[in-house]
Amino acid sequence: MPASTRWRRPRGGAIGAATSLALFTALIENPTGWLDPFMQGRTDNVALREAAFYAIGLTVVFLVLAALAALAIPKGKLQENRD
């Protein structure tokens, strides 16, 4: 691969996953508890389900932000930067 294009690869894809994992890990140890009345079924894993709910929610927020950022790039600008 030529050296001029080697450094133009997109970076930062793992930031969203690491942030969601950090939120999940923090909330599984210290659940907020306000979702308890809405949880049905087994009650021994409420902290796990609540942490997963917030982690997936954060991942969806990052997905929406990435889609909006991709739509915000004008079509002509992308071609100009590659030259």
C-alpha atoms as a PDB file:
ATOM      1  CA  MET A   1       0.000   0.000   0.000  1.00  0.00           C
ATOM      2  CA  PRO A   2       1.422   3.399  -0.893  1.00  0.00           C
ATOM      3  CA  ALA A   3       2.523   5.524   2.037  1.00  0.00           C
ATOM      4  CA  SER A   4       0.310   8.433   0.945  1.00  0.00           C
ATOM      5  CA  THR A   5      -2.934   6.466   1.399  1.00  0.00           C
ATOM      6  CA  ARG A   6      -1.890   4.371   4.361  1.00  0.00           C
ATOM      7  CA  TRP A   7      -2.757   7.038   6.951  1.00  0.00           C
ATOM      8  CA  ARG A   8      -6.132   7.975   5.494  1.00  0.00           C
ATOM      9  CA  ARG A   9      -7.976   4.981   6.884  1.00  0.00           C
ATOM     10  CA  PRO A  10     -10.924   5.782   9.160  1.00  0.00           C
ATOM     11  CA  ARG A  11     -10.120   5.466  12.840  1.00  0.00           C
ATOM     12  CA  GLY A  12     -12.165   5.520  16.011  1.00  0.00           C
ATOM     13  CA  GLY A  13     -14.512   2.627  15.372  1.00  0.00           C
ATOM     14  CA  ALA A  14     -13.650   0.995  18.656  1.00  0.00           C
ATOM     15  CA  ILE A  15     -14.339   4.132  20.694  1.00  0.00           C
ATOM     16  CA  GLY A  16     -18.090   3.500  20.652  1.00  0.00           C
ATOM     17  CA  ALA A  17     -17.698  -0.122  21.664  1.00  0.00           C
ATOM     18  CA  ALA A  18     -15.299   0.767  24.475  1.00  0.00           C
ATOM     19  CA  THR A  19     -17.627   3.483  25.769  1.00  0.00           C
ATOM     20  CA  SER A  20     -20.626   1.153  25.747  1.00  0.00           C
ATOM     21  CA  LEU A  21     -18.609  -1.546  27.512  1.00  0.00           C
ATOM     22  CA  ALA A  22     -17.419   0.925  30.148  1.00  0.00           C
ATOM     23  CA  LEU A  23     -21.003   2.046  30.779  1.00  0.00           C
ATOM     24  CA  PHE A  24     -22.171  -1.568  30.988  1.00  0.00           C
ATOM     25  CA  THR A  25     -19.406  -2.461  33.431  1.00  0.00           C
ATOM     26  CA  ALA A  26     -20.106   0.546  35.633  1.00  0.00           C
ATOM     27  CA  LEU A  27     -23.862  -0.011  35.746  1.00  0.00           C
ATOM     28  CA  ILE A  28     -23.718  -3.729  36.389  1.00  0.00           C
ATOM     29  CA  GLU A  29     -21.927  -3.020  39.668  1.00  0.00           C
ATOM     30  CA  ASN A  30     -24.087   0.004  40.619  1.00  0.00           C
ATOM     31  CA  PRO A  31     -27.562  -0.260  39.054  1.00  0.00           C
ATOM     32  CA  THR A  32     -29.763   2.831  39.112  1.00  0.00           C
ATOM     33  CA  GLY A  33     -32.884   0.897  40.004  1.00  0.00           C
ATOM     34  CA  TRP A  34     -35.481   3.099  38.365  1.00  0.00           C
ATOM     35  CA  LEU A  35     -36.259   0.442  35.744  1.00  0.00           C
ATOM     36  CA  ASP A  36     -37.124  -2.157  38.410  1.00  0.00           C
ATOM     37  CA  PRO A  37     -40.920  -1.605  38.243  1.00  0.00           C
ATOM     38  CA  PHE A  38     -40.884  -2.151  34.473  1.00  0.00           C
ATOM     39  CA  MET A  39     -38.862  -5.381  34.512  1.00  0.00           C
ATOM     40  CA  GLN A  40     -40.889  -8.572  34.263  1.00  0.00           C
ATOM     41  CA  GLY A  41     -39.826 -12.172  34.674  1.00  0.00           C
ATOM     42  CA  ARG A  42     -36.746 -13.203  36.612  1.00  0.00           C
ATOM     43  CA  THR A  43     -35.622 -10.668  39.165  1.00  0.00           C
ATOM     44  CA  ASP A  44     -32.155 -12.028  39.921  1.00  0.00           C
ATOM     45  CA  ASN A  45     -30.685 -10.452  36.786  1.00  0.00           C
ATOM     46  CA  VAL A  46     -32.286  -6.999  36.851  1.00  0.00           C
ATOM     47  CA  ALA A  47     -28.918  -5.228  37.169  1.00  0.00           C
ATOM     48  CA  LEU A  48     -27.593  -7.097  34.122  1.00  0.00           C
ATOM     49  CA  ARG A  49     -30.668  -6.283  32.038  1.00  0.00           C
ATOM     50  CA  GLU A  50     -30.616  -2.632  33.084  1.00  0.00           C
ATOM     51  CA  ALA A  51     -26.920  -2.267  32.249  1.00  0.00           C
ATOM     52  CA  ALA A  52     -27.477  -3.910  28.860  1.00  0.00           C
ATOM     53  CA  PHE A  53     -30.424  -1.569  28.195  1.00  0.00           C
ATOM     54  CA  TYR A  54     -28.277   1.516  28.726  1.00  0.00           C
ATOM     55  CA  ALA A  55     -25.279   0.121  26.803  1.00  0.00           C
ATOM     56  CA  ILE A  56     -27.404  -0.735  23.764  1.00  0.00           C
ATOM     57  CA  GLY A  57     -29.075   2.669  24.001  1.00  0.00           C
ATOM     58  CA  LEU A  58     -25.701   4.388  23.925  1.00  0.00           C
ATOM     59  CA  THR A  59     -24.681   2.273  20.935  1.00  0.00           C
ATOM     60  CA  VAL A  60     -27.838   3.334  19.089  1.00  0.00           C
ATOM     61  CA  VAL A  61     -27.058   6.996  19.859  1.00  0.00           C
ATOM     62  CA  PHE A  62     -23.572   6.538  18.377  1.00  0.00           C
ATOM     63  CA  LEU A  63     -25.128   4.854  15.320  1.00  0.00           C
ATOM     64  CA  VAL A  64     -27.476   7.791  14.735  1.00  0.00           C
ATOM     65  CA  LEU A  65     -24.640  10.280  15.172  1.00  0.00           C
ATOM     66  CA  ALA A  66     -22.480   8.386  12.684  1.00  0.00           C
ATOM     67  CA  ALA A  67     -25.305   8.301  10.152  1.00  0.00           C
ATOM     68  CA  LEU A  68     -25.895  12.036  10.551  1.00  0.00           C
ATOM     69  CA  ALA A  69     -22.190  12.729  10.174  1.00  0.00           C
ATOM     70  CA  ALA A  70     -22.059  10.633   7.004  1.00  0.00           C
ATOM     71  CA  LEU A  71     -24.999  12.554   5.554  1.00  0.00           C
ATOM     72  CA  ALA A  72     -23.451  15.904   6.474  1.00  0.00           C
ATOM     73  CA  ILE A  73     -20.415  15.470   4.198  1.00  0.00           C
ATOM     74  CA  PRO A  74     -21.042  17.230   0.887  1.00  0.00           C
ATOM     75  CA  LYS A  75     -20.433  14.966  -2.103  1.00  0.00           C
ATOM     76  CA  GLY A  76     -17.921  17.308  -3.753  1.00  0.00           C
ATOM     77  CA  LYS A  77     -15.797  17.725  -0.626  1.00  0.00           C
ATOM     78  CA  LEU A  78     -14.964  14.039  -0.396  1.00  0.00           C
ATOM     79  CA  GLN A  79     -13.474  13.986  -3.900  1.00  0.00           C
ATOM     80  CA  GLU A  80     -11.448  17.165  -3.307  1.00  0.00           C
ATOM     81  CA  ASN A  81      -9.730  15.741  -0.229  1.00  0.00           C
ATOM     82  CA  ARG A  82      -8.594  12.580  -2.023  1.00  0.00           C
ATOM     83  CA  ASP A  83      -6.459  14.490  -4.537  1.00  0.00           C
END
